[in-house]
Amino acid sequence: MAEPRENRALAARLGKMLRRQRQDLAMSQADIAERIGVSPQQVQKYEAGRNQPSLMRAAMLRRATGVSLDELVDDALGDPAEPPEQATDVMYLLRDLRRMSPRQVALLRRIARVIADLGE
């Protein structure tokens, strides 16, 4: 039975988001595959939109990339146009903040205040 066009389009957008997140993290398909217990070819299929990860694999992808399932799905379901650059920057900053220790976050806040006080 053929897959509905909407499902294929969603799988393609989800795959694009996965690829972008992996590349932003400077990880290879083999790195992701090892972390989630699949072959690099399977990761390639996820990114190409030919296969969709199971819920369990999606949760493992979340742990491997630090990106929430909500973010991936919302981005995949949302407007296929690229988000504004500033929104993308904020999204990546938030993702990175979630991966930092409280001490690192406090240090980053101090640095941000100094930079903001300098102005443009």
PDB file of N, CA and C in Angstrom:
ATOM      1  N   MET A   1       0.845  -1.178   0.000  1.00  0.00           N
ATOM      2  CA  MET A   1       0.000   0.000   0.000  1.00  0.00           C
ATOM      3  C   MET A   1       0.890   1.242   0.000  1.00  0.00           C
ATOM      4  N   ALA A   2       0.603   2.160  -0.854  1.00  0.00           N
ATOM      5  CA  ALA A   2       1.406   3.379  -0.979  1.00  0.00           C
ATOM      6  C   ALA A   2       1.188   4.283   0.230  1.00  0.00           C
ATOM      7  N   GLU A   3       2.234   4.942   0.592  1.00  0.00           N
ATOM      8  CA  GLU A   3       2.186   5.879   1.718  1.00  0.00           C
ATOM      9  C   GLU A   3       1.561   7.193   1.237  1.00  0.00           C
ATOM     10  N   PRO A   4       0.640   7.773   2.024  1.00  0.00           N
ATOM     11  CA  PRO A   4       0.043   9.044   1.606  1.00  0.00           C
ATOM     12  C   PRO A   4       1.113  10.114   1.385  1.00  0.00           C
ATOM     13  N   ARG A   5       0.839  10.991   0.446  1.00  0.00           N
ATOM     14  CA  ARG A   5       1.780  12.049   0.089  1.00  0.00           C
ATOM     15  C   ARG A   5       2.172  12.903   1.301  1.00  0.00           C
ATOM     16  N   GLU A   6       1.210  13.203   2.185  1.00  0.00           N
ATOM     17  CA  GLU A   6       1.496  14.026   3.357  1.00  0.00           C
ATOM     18  C   GLU A   6       2.510  13.355   4.279  1.00  0.00           C
ATOM     19  N   ASN A   7       2.373  12.023   4.442  1.00  0.00           N
ATOM     20  CA  ASN A   7       3.321  11.295   5.291  1.00  0.00           C
ATOM     21  C   ASN A   7       4.721  11.319   4.700  1.00  0.00           C
ATOM     22  N   ARG A   8       4.810  11.173   3.391  1.00  0.00           N
ATOM     23  CA  ARG A   8       6.132  11.216   2.748  1.00  0.00           C
ATOM     24  C   ARG A   8       6.752  12.596   2.897  1.00  0.00           C
ATOM     25  N   ALA A   9       5.924  13.634   2.767  1.00  0.00           N
ATOM     26  CA  ALA A   9       6.427  15.002   2.906  1.00  0.00           C
ATOM     27  C   ALA A   9       6.897  15.251   4.335  1.00  0.00           C
ATOM     28  N   LEU A  10       6.134  14.769   5.304  1.00  0.00           N
ATOM     29  CA  LEU A  10       6.529  14.926   6.710  1.00  0.00           C
ATOM     30  C   LEU A  10       7.829  14.177   6.981  1.00  0.00           C
ATOM     31  N   ALA A  11       7.942  12.956   6.475  1.00  0.00           N
ATOM     32  CA  ALA A  11       9.164  12.171   6.667  1.00  0.00           C
ATOM     33  C   ALA A  11      10.361  12.889   6.052  1.00  0.00           C
ATOM     34  N   ALA A  12      10.162  13.512   4.895  1.00  0.00           N
ATOM     35  CA  ALA A  12      11.255  14.248   4.246  1.00  0.00           C
ATOM     36  C   ALA A  12      11.676  15.454   5.086  1.00  0.00           C
ATOM     37  N   ARG A  13      10.696  16.194   5.624  1.00  0.00           N
ATOM     38  CA  ARG A  13      11.035  17.365   6.459  1.00  0.00           C
ATOM     39  C   ARG A  13      11.705  16.939   7.763  1.00  0.00           C
ATOM     40  N   LEU A  14      11.211  15.861   8.369  1.00  0.00           N
ATOM     41  CA  LEU A  14      11.825  15.349   9.585  1.00  0.00           C
ATOM     42  C   LEU A  14      13.262  14.912   9.304  1.00  0.00           C
ATOM     43  N   GLY A  15      13.462  14.239   8.187  1.00  0.00           N
ATOM     44  CA  GLY A  15      14.808  13.812   7.808  1.00  0.00           C
ATOM     45  C   GLY A  15      15.745  14.991   7.604  1.00  0.00           C
ATOM     46  N   LYS A  16      15.226  16.049   6.986  1.00  0.00           N
ATOM     47  CA  LYS A  16      16.032  17.257   6.777  1.00  0.00           C
ATOM     48  C   LYS A  16      16.440  17.870   8.114  1.00  0.00           C
ATOM     49  N   MET A  17      15.488  17.901   9.062  1.00  0.00           N
ATOM     50  CA  MET A  17      15.798  18.444  10.387  1.00  0.00           C
ATOM     51  C   MET A  17      16.840  17.585  11.103  1.00  0.00           C
ATOM     52  N   LEU A  18      16.684  16.271  11.007  1.00  0.00           N
ATOM     53  CA  LEU A  18      17.663  15.381  11.644  1.00  0.00           C
ATOM     54  C   LEU A  18      19.056  15.613  11.071  1.00  0.00           C
ATOM     55  N   ARG A  19      19.129  15.723   9.747  1.00  0.00           N
ATOM     56  CA  ARG A  19      20.429  15.953   9.104  1.00  0.00           C
ATOM     57  C   ARG A  19      21.042  17.272   9.569  1.00  0.00           C
ATOM     58  N   ARG A  20      20.226  18.318   9.617  1.00  0.00           N
ATOM     59  CA  ARG A  20      20.729  19.626  10.034  1.00  0.00           C
ATOM     60  C   ARG A  20      21.246  19.573  11.479  1.00  0.00           C
ATOM     61  N   GLN A  21      20.470  18.924  12.358  1.00  0.00           N
ATOM     62  CA  GLN A  21      20.893  18.826  13.757  1.00  0.00           C
ATOM     63  C   GLN A  21      22.186  18.035  13.876  1.00  0.00           C
ATOM     64  N   ARG A  22      22.276  16.929  13.141  1.00  0.00           N
ATOM     65  CA  ARG A  22      23.496  16.113  13.184  1.00  0.00           C
ATOM     66  C   ARG A  22      24.694  16.907  12.700  1.00  0.00           C
ATOM     67  N   GLN A  23      24.523  17.626  11.611  1.00  0.00           N
ATOM     68  CA  GLN A  23      25.626  18.417  11.066  1.00  0.00           C
ATOM     69  C   GLN A  23      26.003  19.564  11.994  1.00  0.00           C
ATOM     70  N   ASP A  24      25.016  20.185  12.620  1.00  0.00           N
ATOM     71  CA  ASP A  24      25.304  21.263  13.579  1.00  0.00           C
ATOM     72  C   ASP A  24      26.124  20.760  14.755  1.00  0.00           C
ATOM     73  N   LEU A  25      25.931  19.490  15.088  1.00  0.00           N
ATOM     74  CA  LEU A  25      26.678  18.885  16.187  1.00  0.00           C
ATOM     75  C   LEU A  25      28.003  18.286  15.724  1.00  0.00           C
ATOM     76  N   ALA A  26      28.314  18.453  14.440  1.00  0.00           N
ATOM     77  CA  ALA A  26      29.539  17.911  13.831  1.00  0.00           C
ATOM     78  C   ALA A  26      29.650  16.407  14.064  1.00  0.00           C
ATOM     79  N   MET A  27      28.523  15.719  13.903  1.00  0.00           N
ATOM     80  CA  MET A  27      28.492  14.273  14.066  1.00  0.00           C
ATOM     81  C   MET A  27      28.279  13.618  12.709  1.00  0.00           C
ATOM     82  N   SER A  28      28.853  12.440  12.545  1.00  0.00           N
ATOM     83  CA  SER A  28      28.647  11.690  11.309  1.00  0.00           C
ATOM     84  C   SER A  28      27.423  10.799  11.450  1.00  0.00           C
ATOM     85  N   GLN A  29      26.957  10.271  10.339  1.00  0.00           N
ATOM     86  CA  GLN A  29      25.854   9.322  10.400  1.00  0.00           C
ATOM     87  C   GLN A  29      26.266   8.100  11.211  1.00  0.00           C
ATOM     88  N   ALA A  30      27.529   7.712  11.115  1.00  0.00           N
ATOM     89  CA  ALA A  30      28.022   6.573  11.895  1.00  0.00           C
ATOM     90  C   ALA A  30      27.987   6.877  13.392  1.00  0.00           C
ATOM     91  N   ASP A  31      28.303   8.122  13.770  1.00  0.00           N
ATOM     92  CA  ASP A  31      28.243   8.510  15.188  1.00  0.00           C
ATOM     93  C   ASP A  31      26.821   8.347  15.720  1.00  0.00           C
ATOM     94  N   ILE A  32      25.857   8.881  14.974  1.00  0.00           N
ATOM     95  CA  ILE A  32      24.456   8.781  15.394  1.00  0.00           C
ATOM     96  C   ILE A  32      24.030   7.319  15.428  1.00  0.00           C
ATOM     97  N   ALA A  33      24.373   6.582  14.391  1.00  0.00           N
ATOM     98  CA  ALA A  33      23.984   5.167  14.305  1.00  0.00           C
ATOM     99  C   ALA A  33      24.481   4.385  15.523  1.00  0.00           C
ATOM    100  N   GLU A  34      25.711   4.629  15.902  1.00  0.00           N
ATOM    101  CA  GLU A  34      26.278   3.923  17.056  1.00  0.00           C
ATOM    102  C   GLU A  34      25.513   4.259  18.332  1.00  0.00           C
ATOM    103  N   ARG A  35      25.138   5.522  18.480  1.00  0.00           N
ATOM    104  CA  ARG A  35      24.435   5.952  19.694  1.00  0.00           C
ATOM    105  C   ARG A  35      23.012   5.420  19.791  1.00  0.00           C
ATOM    106  N   ILE A  36      22.381   5.156  18.644  1.00  0.00           N
ATOM    107  CA  ILE A  36      20.981   4.706  18.699  1.00  0.00           C
ATOM    108  C   ILE A  36      20.816   3.233  18.319  1.00  0.00           C
ATOM    109  N   GLY A  37      21.924   2.557  18.009  1.00  0.00           N
ATOM    110  CA  GLY A  37      21.865   1.123  17.758  1.00  0.00           C
ATOM    111  C   GLY A  37      21.326   0.703  16.407  1.00  0.00           C
ATOM    112  N   VAL A  38      21.627   1.499  15.377  1.00  0.00           N
ATOM    113  CA  VAL A  38      21.243   1.124  14.014  1.00  0.00           C
ATOM    114  C   VAL A  38      22.469   1.275  13.115  1.00  0.00           C
ATOM    115  N   SER A  39      22.321   0.887  11.863  1.00  0.00           N
ATOM    116  CA  SER A  39      23.425   1.035  10.912  1.00  0.00           C
ATOM    117  C   SER A  39      23.472   2.476  10.384  1.00  0.00           C
ATOM    118  N   PRO A  40      24.649   2.911   9.911  1.00  0.00           N
ATOM    119  CA  PRO A  40      24.720   4.237   9.285  1.00  0.00           C
ATOM    120  C   PRO A  40      23.771   4.350   8.093  1.00  0.00           C
ATOM    121  N   GLN A  41      23.538   3.235   7.394  1.00  0.00           N
ATOM    122  CA  GLN A  41      22.612   3.258   6.262  1.00  0.00           C
ATOM    123  C   GLN A  41      21.189   3.579   6.725  1.00  0.00           C
ATOM    124  N   GLN A  42      20.827   3.089   7.924  1.00  0.00           N
ATOM    125  CA  GLN A  42      19.495   3.388   8.445  1.00  0.00           C
ATOM    126  C   GLN A  42      19.368   4.873   8.767  1.00  0.00           C
ATOM    127  N   VAL A  43      20.414   5.464   9.343  1.00  0.00           N
ATOM    128  CA  VAL A  43      20.398   6.906   9.619  1.00  0.00           C
ATOM    129  C   VAL A  43      20.259   7.667   8.303  1.00  0.00           C
ATOM    130  N   GLN A  44      20.972   7.197   7.283  1.00  0.00           N
ATOM    131  CA  GLN A  44      20.877   7.833   5.963  1.00  0.00           C
ATOM    132  C   GLN A  44      19.436   7.768   5.449  1.00  0.00           C
ATOM    133  N   LYS A  45      18.763   6.644   5.659  1.00  0.00           N
ATOM    134  CA  LYS A  45      17.364   6.507   5.226  1.00  0.00           C
ATOM    135  C   LYS A  45      16.450   7.437   6.016  1.00  0.00           C
ATOM    136  N   TYR A  46      16.705   7.581   7.333  1.00  0.00           N
ATOM    137  CA  TYR A  46      15.916   8.532   8.128  1.00  0.00           C
ATOM    138  C   TYR A  46      16.070   9.934   7.553  1.00  0.00           C
ATOM    139  N   GLU A  47      17.320  10.320   7.285  1.00  0.00           N
ATOM    140  CA  GLU A  47      17.592  11.674   6.803  1.00  0.00           C
ATOM    141  C   GLU A  47      17.022  11.913   5.406  1.00  0.00           C
ATOM    142  N   ALA A  48      16.979  10.869   4.604  1.00  0.00           N
ATOM    143  CA  ALA A  48      16.441  10.991   3.246  1.00  0.00           C
ATOM    144  C   ALA A  48      14.910  10.928   3.230  1.00  0.00           C
ATOM    145  N   GLY A  49      14.318  10.586   4.384  1.00  0.00           N
ATOM    146  CA  GLY A  49      12.865  10.483   4.452  1.00  0.00           C
ATOM    147  C   GLY A  49      12.325   9.184   3.894  1.00  0.00           C
ATOM    148  N   ARG A  50      13.207   8.215   3.629  1.00  0.00           N
ATOM    149  CA  ARG A  50      12.758   6.926   3.102  1.00  0.00           C
ATOM    150  C   ARG A  50      12.234   6.018   4.211  1.00  0.00           C
ATOM    151  N   ASN A  51      12.761   6.162   5.421  1.00  0.00           N
ATOM    152  CA  ASN A  51      12.290   5.420   6.592  1.00  0.00           C
ATOM    153  C   ASN A  51      12.031   6.411   7.710  1.00  0.00           C
ATOM    154  N   GLN A  52      11.144   6.023   8.622  1.00  0.00           N
ATOM    155  CA  GLN A  52      10.864   6.861   9.784  1.00  0.00           C
ATOM    156  C   GLN A  52      11.267   6.090  11.037  1.00  0.00           C
ATOM    157  N   PRO A  53      11.918   6.765  11.982  1.00  0.00           N
ATOM    158  CA  PRO A  53      12.314   6.068  13.208  1.00  0.00           C
ATOM    159  C   PRO A  53      11.095   5.703  14.047  1.00  0.00           C
ATOM    160  N   SER A  54      11.192   4.575  14.729  1.00  0.00           N
ATOM    161  CA  SER A  54      10.148   4.202  15.686  1.00  0.00           C
ATOM    162  C   SER A  54      10.185   5.202  16.837  1.00  0.00           C
ATOM    163  N   LEU A  55       9.183   5.147  17.672  1.00  0.00           N
ATOM    164  CA  LEU A  55       9.144   6.051  18.819  1.00  0.00           C
ATOM    165  C   LEU A  55      10.366   5.839  19.711  1.00  0.00           C
ATOM    166  N   MET A  56      10.758   4.578  19.910  1.00  0.00           N
ATOM    167  CA  MET A  56      11.935   4.288  20.731  1.00  0.00           C
ATOM    168  C   MET A  56      13.194   4.889  20.096  1.00  0.00           C
ATOM    169  N   ARG A  57      13.352   4.697  18.794  1.00  0.00           N
ATOM    170  CA  ARG A  57      14.527   5.253  18.103  1.00  0.00           C
ATOM    171  C   ARG A  57      14.489   6.778  18.116  1.00  0.00           C
ATOM    172  N   ALA A  58      13.302   7.353  18.000  1.00  0.00           N
ATOM    173  CA  ALA A  58      13.177   8.813  18.043  1.00  0.00           C
ATOM    174  C   ALA A  58      13.629   9.332  19.404  1.00  0.00           C
ATOM    175  N   ALA A  59      13.260   8.613  20.468  1.00  0.00           N
ATOM    176  CA  ALA A  59      13.709   9.011  21.803  1.00  0.00           C
ATOM    177  C   ALA A  59      15.221   8.897  21.913  1.00  0.00           C
ATOM    178  N   MET A  60      15.790   7.870  21.306  1.00  0.00           N
ATOM    179  CA  MET A  60      17.256   7.713  21.320  1.00  0.00           C
ATOM    180  C   MET A  60      17.919   8.817  20.501  1.00  0.00           C
ATOM    181  N   LEU A  61      17.296   9.203  19.391  1.00  0.00           N
ATOM    182  CA  LEU A  61      17.814  10.315  18.594  1.00  0.00           C
ATOM    183  C   LEU A  61      17.814  11.595  19.414  1.00  0.00           C
ATOM    184  N   ARG A  62      16.778  11.784  20.205  1.00  0.00           N
ATOM    185  CA  ARG A  62      16.690  12.962  21.068  1.00  0.00           C
ATOM    186  C   ARG A  62      17.866  12.998  22.027  1.00  0.00           C
ATOM    187  N   ARG A  63      18.172  11.848  22.635  1.00  0.00           N
ATOM    188  CA  ARG A  63      19.302  11.805  23.564  1.00  0.00           C
ATOM    189  C   ARG A  63      20.627  12.022  22.839  1.00  0.00           C
ATOM    190  N   ALA A  64      20.747  11.492  21.651  1.00  0.00           N
ATOM    191  CA  ALA A  64      22.004  11.597  20.903  1.00  0.00           C
ATOM    192  C   ALA A  64      22.278  13.014  20.419  1.00  0.00           C
ATOM    193  N   THR A  65      21.211  13.761  20.106  1.00  0.00           N
ATOM    194  CA  THR A  65      21.396  15.105  19.539  1.00  0.00           C
ATOM    195  C   THR A  65      21.116  16.224  20.527  1.00  0.00           C
ATOM    196  N   GLY A  66      20.429  15.914  21.624  1.00  0.00           N
ATOM    197  CA  GLY A  66      20.068  16.958  22.581  1.00  0.00           C
ATOM    198  C   GLY A  66      18.899  17.808  22.122  1.00  0.00           C
ATOM    199  N   VAL A  67      18.242  17.406  21.054  1.00  0.00           N
ATOM    200  CA  VAL A  67      17.093  18.148  20.528  1.00  0.00           C
ATOM    201  C   VAL A  67      15.828  17.403  20.933  1.00  0.00           C
ATOM    202  N   SER A  68      14.862  18.111  21.501  1.00  0.00           N
ATOM    203  CA  SER A  68      13.643  17.464  21.961  1.00  0.00           C
ATOM    204  C   SER A  68      12.829  16.952  20.779  1.00  0.00           C
ATOM    205  N   LEU A  69      12.054  15.919  21.043  1.00  0.00           N
ATOM    206  CA  LEU A  69      11.158  15.390  20.014  1.00  0.00           C
ATOM    207  C   LEU A  69      10.165  16.453  19.579  1.00  0.00           C
ATOM    208  N   ASP A  70       9.707  17.260  20.541  1.00  0.00           N
ATOM    209  CA  ASP A  70       8.776  18.341  20.204  1.00  0.00           C
ATOM    210  C   ASP A  70       9.383  19.277  19.172  1.00  0.00           C
ATOM    211  N   GLU A  71      10.647  19.648  19.379  1.00  0.00           N
ATOM    212  CA  GLU A  71      11.306  20.557  18.436  1.00  0.00           C
ATOM    213  C   GLU A  71      11.382  19.946  17.049  1.00  0.00           C
ATOM    214  N   LEU A  72      11.799  18.665  16.995  1.00  0.00           N
ATOM    215  CA  LEU A  72      11.920  18.015  15.690  1.00  0.00           C
ATOM    216  C   LEU A  72      10.572  17.915  14.993  1.00  0.00           C
ATOM    217  N   VAL A  73       9.561  17.471  15.722  1.00  0.00           N
ATOM    218  CA  VAL A  73       8.245  17.292  15.111  1.00  0.00           C
ATOM    219  C   VAL A  73       7.629  18.641  14.758  1.00  0.00           C
ATOM    220  N   ASP A  74       7.717  19.613  15.681  1.00  0.00           N
ATOM    221  CA  ASP A  74       7.164  20.933  15.388  1.00  0.00           C
ATOM    222  C   ASP A  74       7.830  21.537  14.165  1.00  0.00           C
ATOM    223  N   ASP A  75       9.157  21.415  14.077  1.00  0.00           N
ATOM    224  CA  ASP A  75       9.860  21.955  12.915  1.00  0.00           C
ATOM    225  C   ASP A  75       9.448  21.217  11.646  1.00  0.00           C
ATOM    226  N   ALA A  76       9.277  19.901  11.757  1.00  0.00           N
ATOM    227  CA  ALA A  76       8.892  19.121  10.580  1.00  0.00           C
ATOM    228  C   ALA A  76       7.459  19.412  10.158  1.00  0.00           C
ATOM    229  N   LEU A  77       6.571  19.633  11.121  1.00  0.00           N
ATOM    230  CA  LEU A  77       5.169  19.914  10.798  1.00  0.00           C
ATOM    231  C   LEU A  77       4.928  21.361  10.400  1.00  0.00           C
ATOM    232  N   GLY A  78       5.810  22.231  10.847  1.00  0.00           N
ATOM    233  CA  GLY A  78       5.620  23.662  10.623  1.00  0.00           C
ATOM    234  C   GLY A  78       5.812  24.063   9.183  1.00  0.00           C
ATOM    235  N   ASP A  79       5.941  25.343   8.998  1.00  0.00           N
ATOM    236  CA  ASP A  79       6.146  25.919   7.681  1.00  0.00           C
ATOM    237  C   ASP A  79       7.444  25.376   7.100  1.00  0.00           C
ATOM    238  N   PRO A  80       7.413  24.785   5.897  1.00  0.00           N
ATOM    239  CA  PRO A  80       8.633  24.236   5.326  1.00  0.00           C
ATOM    240  C   PRO A  80       9.680  25.300   5.004  1.00  0.00           C
ATOM    241  N   ALA A  81       9.280  26.555   5.012  1.00  0.00           N
ATOM    242  CA  ALA A  81      10.256  27.621   4.775  1.00  0.00           C
ATOM    243  C   ALA A  81      11.217  27.695   5.956  1.00  0.00           C
ATOM    244  N   GLU A  82      12.397  28.138   5.711  1.00  0.00           N
ATOM    245  CA  GLU A  82      13.396  28.278   6.761  1.00  0.00           C
ATOM    246  C   GLU A  82      12.940  29.327   7.765  1.00  0.00           C
ATOM    247  N   PRO A  83      13.164  29.070   9.074  1.00  0.00           N
ATOM    248  CA  PRO A  83      12.826  30.094  10.058  1.00  0.00           C
ATOM    249  C   PRO A  83      13.781  31.269   9.932  1.00  0.00           C
ATOM    250  N   PRO A  84      13.383  32.434  10.422  1.00  0.00           N
ATOM    251  CA  PRO A  84      14.285  33.577  10.374  1.00  0.00           C
ATOM    252  C   PRO A  84      15.590  33.232  11.093  1.00  0.00           C
ATOM    253  N   GLU A  85      16.678  33.822  10.618  1.00  0.00           N
ATOM    254  CA  GLU A  85      17.999  33.500  11.159  1.00  0.00           C
ATOM    255  C   GLU A  85      18.066  33.700  12.668  1.00  0.00           C
ATOM    256  N   GLN A  86      17.481  34.776  13.173  1.00  0.00           N
ATOM    257  CA  GLN A  86      17.531  35.046  14.606  1.00  0.00           C
ATOM    258  C   GLN A  86      16.795  33.956  15.389  1.00  0.00           C
ATOM    259  N   ALA A  87      15.657  33.492  14.888  1.00  0.00           N
ATOM    260  CA  ALA A  87      14.917  32.428  15.568  1.00  0.00           C
ATOM    261  C   ALA A  87      15.732  31.149  15.588  1.00  0.00           C
ATOM    262  N   THR A  88      16.427  30.865  14.503  1.00  0.00           N
ATOM    263  CA  THR A  88      17.275  29.686  14.446  1.00  0.00           C
ATOM    264  C   THR A  88      18.407  29.802  15.457  1.00  0.00           C
ATOM    265  N   ASP A  89      19.020  30.972  15.561  1.00  0.00           N
ATOM    266  CA  ASP A  89      20.087  31.178  16.539  1.00  0.00           C
ATOM    267  C   ASP A  89      19.587  30.941  17.954  1.00  0.00           C
ATOM    268  N   VAL A  90      18.415  31.452  18.261  1.00  0.00           N
ATOM    269  CA  VAL A  90      17.843  31.280  19.600  1.00  0.00           C
ATOM    270  C   VAL A  90      17.578  29.806  19.870  1.00  0.00           C
ATOM    271  N   MET A  91      17.054  29.098  18.886  1.00  0.00           N
ATOM    272  CA  MET A  91      16.776  27.677  19.042  1.00  0.00           C
ATOM    273  C   MET A  91      18.058  26.915  19.379  1.00  0.00           C
ATOM    274  N   TYR A  92      19.134  27.213  18.656  1.00  0.00           N
ATOM    275  CA  TYR A  92      20.398  26.518  18.918  1.00  0.00           C
ATOM    276  C   TYR A  92      20.985  26.903  20.269  1.00  0.00           C
ATOM    277  N   LEU A  93      20.844  28.168  20.657  1.00  0.00           N
ATOM    278  CA  LEU A  93      21.330  28.588  21.976  1.00  0.00           C
ATOM    279  C   LEU A  93      20.580  27.849  23.086  1.00  0.00           C
ATOM    280  N   LEU A  94      19.277  27.744  22.952  1.00  0.00           N
ATOM    281  CA  LEU A  94      18.488  27.039  23.961  1.00  0.00           C
ATOM    282  C   LEU A  94      18.875  25.568  24.032  1.00  0.00           C
ATOM    283  N   ARG A  95      19.078  24.967  22.887  1.00  0.00           N
ATOM    284  CA  ARG A  95      19.495  23.562  22.868  1.00  0.00           C
ATOM    285  C   ARG A  95      20.826  23.399  23.581  1.00  0.00           C
ATOM    286  N   ASP A  96      21.758  24.283  23.295  1.00  0.00           N
ATOM    287  CA  ASP A  96      23.070  24.193  23.921  1.00  0.00           C
ATOM    288  C   ASP A  96      23.002  24.470  25.419  1.00  0.00           C
ATOM    289  N   LEU A  97      22.152  25.400  25.824  1.00  0.00           N
ATOM    290  CA  LEU A  97      22.003  25.705  27.252  1.00  0.00           C
ATOM    291  C   LEU A  97      21.517  24.482  28.029  1.00  0.00           C
ATOM    292  N   ARG A  98      20.617  23.717  27.435  1.00  0.00           N
ATOM    293  CA  ARG A  98      20.102  22.524  28.114  1.00  0.00           C
ATOM    294  C   ARG A  98      21.193  21.494  28.370  1.00  0.00           C
ATOM    295  N   ARG A  99      22.250  21.552  27.603  1.00  0.00           N
ATOM    296  CA  ARG A  99      23.330  20.570  27.733  1.00  0.00           C
ATOM    297  C   ARG A  99      24.438  21.045  28.676  1.00  0.00           C
ATOM    298  N   MET A 100      24.339  22.291  29.168  1.00  0.00           N
ATOM    299  CA  MET A 100      25.382  22.853  30.024  1.00  0.00           C
ATOM    300  C   MET A 100      25.086  22.615  31.497  1.00  0.00           C
ATOM    301  N   SER A 101      26.158  22.634  32.273  1.00  0.00           N
ATOM    302  CA  SER A 101      26.008  22.544  33.719  1.00  0.00           C
ATOM    303  C   SER A 101      25.539  23.900  34.249  1.00  0.00           C
ATOM    304  N   PRO A 102      24.987  23.941  35.465  1.00  0.00           N
ATOM    305  CA  PRO A 102      24.575  25.227  36.043  1.00  0.00           C
ATOM    306  C   PRO A 102      25.732  26.227  36.110  1.00  0.00           C
ATOM    307  N   ARG A 103      26.915  25.757  36.393  1.00  0.00           N
ATOM    308  CA  ARG A 103      28.084  26.646  36.456  1.00  0.00           C
ATOM    309  C   ARG A 103      28.386  27.253  35.084  1.00  0.00           C
ATOM    310  N   GLN A 104      28.303  26.428  34.041  1.00  0.00           N
ATOM    311  CA  GLN A 104      28.542  26.930  32.689  1.00  0.00           C
ATOM    312  C   GLN A 104      27.473  27.951  32.289  1.00  0.00           C
ATOM    313  N   VAL A 105      26.229  27.692  32.644  1.00  0.00           N
ATOM    314  CA  VAL A 105      25.142  28.621  32.319  1.00  0.00           C
ATOM    315  C   VAL A 105      25.373  29.961  33.009  1.00  0.00           C
ATOM    316  N   ALA A 106      25.763  29.931  34.287  1.00  0.00           N
ATOM    317  CA  ALA A 106      26.016  31.180  35.023  1.00  0.00           C
ATOM    318  C   ALA A 106      27.156  31.958  34.371  1.00  0.00           C
ATOM    319  N   LEU A 107      28.210  31.266  33.965  1.00  0.00           N
ATOM    320  CA  LEU A 107      29.333  31.930  33.300  1.00  0.00           C
ATOM    321  C   LEU A 107      28.893  32.533  31.968  1.00  0.00           C
ATOM    322  N   LEU A 108      28.110  31.796  31.223  1.00  0.00           N
ATOM    323  CA  LEU A 108      27.625  32.302  29.934  1.00  0.00           C
ATOM    324  C   LEU A 108      26.742  33.529  30.121  1.00  0.00           C
ATOM    325  N   ARG A 109      25.907  33.538  31.166  1.00  0.00           N
ATOM    326  CA  ARG A 109      25.069  34.717  31.443  1.00  0.00           C
ATOM    327  C   ARG A 109      25.933  35.945  31.702  1.00  0.00           C
ATOM    328  N   ARG A 110      27.002  35.761  32.462  1.00  0.00           N
ATOM    329  CA  ARG A 110      27.893  36.897  32.743  1.00  0.00           C
ATOM    330  C   ARG A 110      28.549  37.406  31.460  1.00  0.00           C
ATOM    331  N   ILE A 111      28.992  36.485  30.630  1.00  0.00           N
ATOM    332  CA  ILE A 111      29.619  36.869  29.361  1.00  0.00           C
ATOM    333  C   ILE A 111      28.613  37.623  28.479  1.00  0.00           C
ATOM    334  N   ALA A 112      27.378  37.108  28.424  1.00  0.00           N
ATOM    335  CA  ALA A 112      26.343  37.750  27.608  1.00  0.00           C
ATOM    336  C   ALA A 112      26.058  39.162  28.091  1.00  0.00           C
ATOM    337  N   ARG A 113      26.021  39.349  29.413  1.00  0.00           N
ATOM    338  CA  ARG A 113      25.788  40.696  29.944  1.00  0.00           C
ATOM    339  C   ARG A 113      26.892  41.652  29.541  1.00  0.00           C
ATOM    340  N   VAL A 114      28.139  41.198  29.620  1.00  0.00           N
ATOM    341  CA  VAL A 114      29.278  42.056  29.234  1.00  0.00           C
ATOM    342  C   VAL A 114      29.173  42.433  27.764  1.00  0.00           C
ATOM    343  N   ILE A 115      28.880  41.455  26.925  1.00  0.00           N
ATOM    344  CA  ILE A 115      28.768  41.729  25.485  1.00  0.00           C
ATOM    345  C   ILE A 115      27.606  42.673  25.219  1.00  0.00           C
ATOM    346  N   ALA A 116      26.468  42.448  25.875  1.00  0.00           N
ATOM    347  CA  ALA A 116      25.296  43.333  25.678  1.00  0.00           C
ATOM    348  C   ALA A 116      25.608  44.740  26.132  1.00  0.00           C
ATOM    349  N   ASP A 117      26.352  44.894  27.202  1.00  0.00           N
ATOM    350  CA  ASP A 117      26.703  46.234  27.703  1.00  0.00           C
ATOM    351  C   ASP A 117      27.644  46.972  26.746  1.00  0.00           C
ATOM    352  N   LEU A 118      28.402  46.220  25.952  1.00  0.00           N
ATOM    353  CA  LEU A 118      29.316  46.855  24.987  1.00  0.00           C
ATOM    354  C   LEU A 118      28.533  47.516  23.856  1.00  0.00           C
ATOM    355  N   GLY A 119      27.343  47.016  23.579  1.00  0.00           N
ATOM    356  CA  GLY A 119      26.548  47.553  22.469  1.00  0.00           C
ATOM    357  C   GLY A 119      27.114  47.094  21.149  1.00  0.00           C
ATOM    358  N   GLU A 120      26.571  47.631  20.108  1.00  0.00           N
ATOM    359  CA  GLU A 120      27.036  47.213  18.763  1.00  0.00           C
ATOM    360  C   GLU A 120      28.102  48.086  18.231  1.00  0.00           C
TER     361      GLU A 120
END
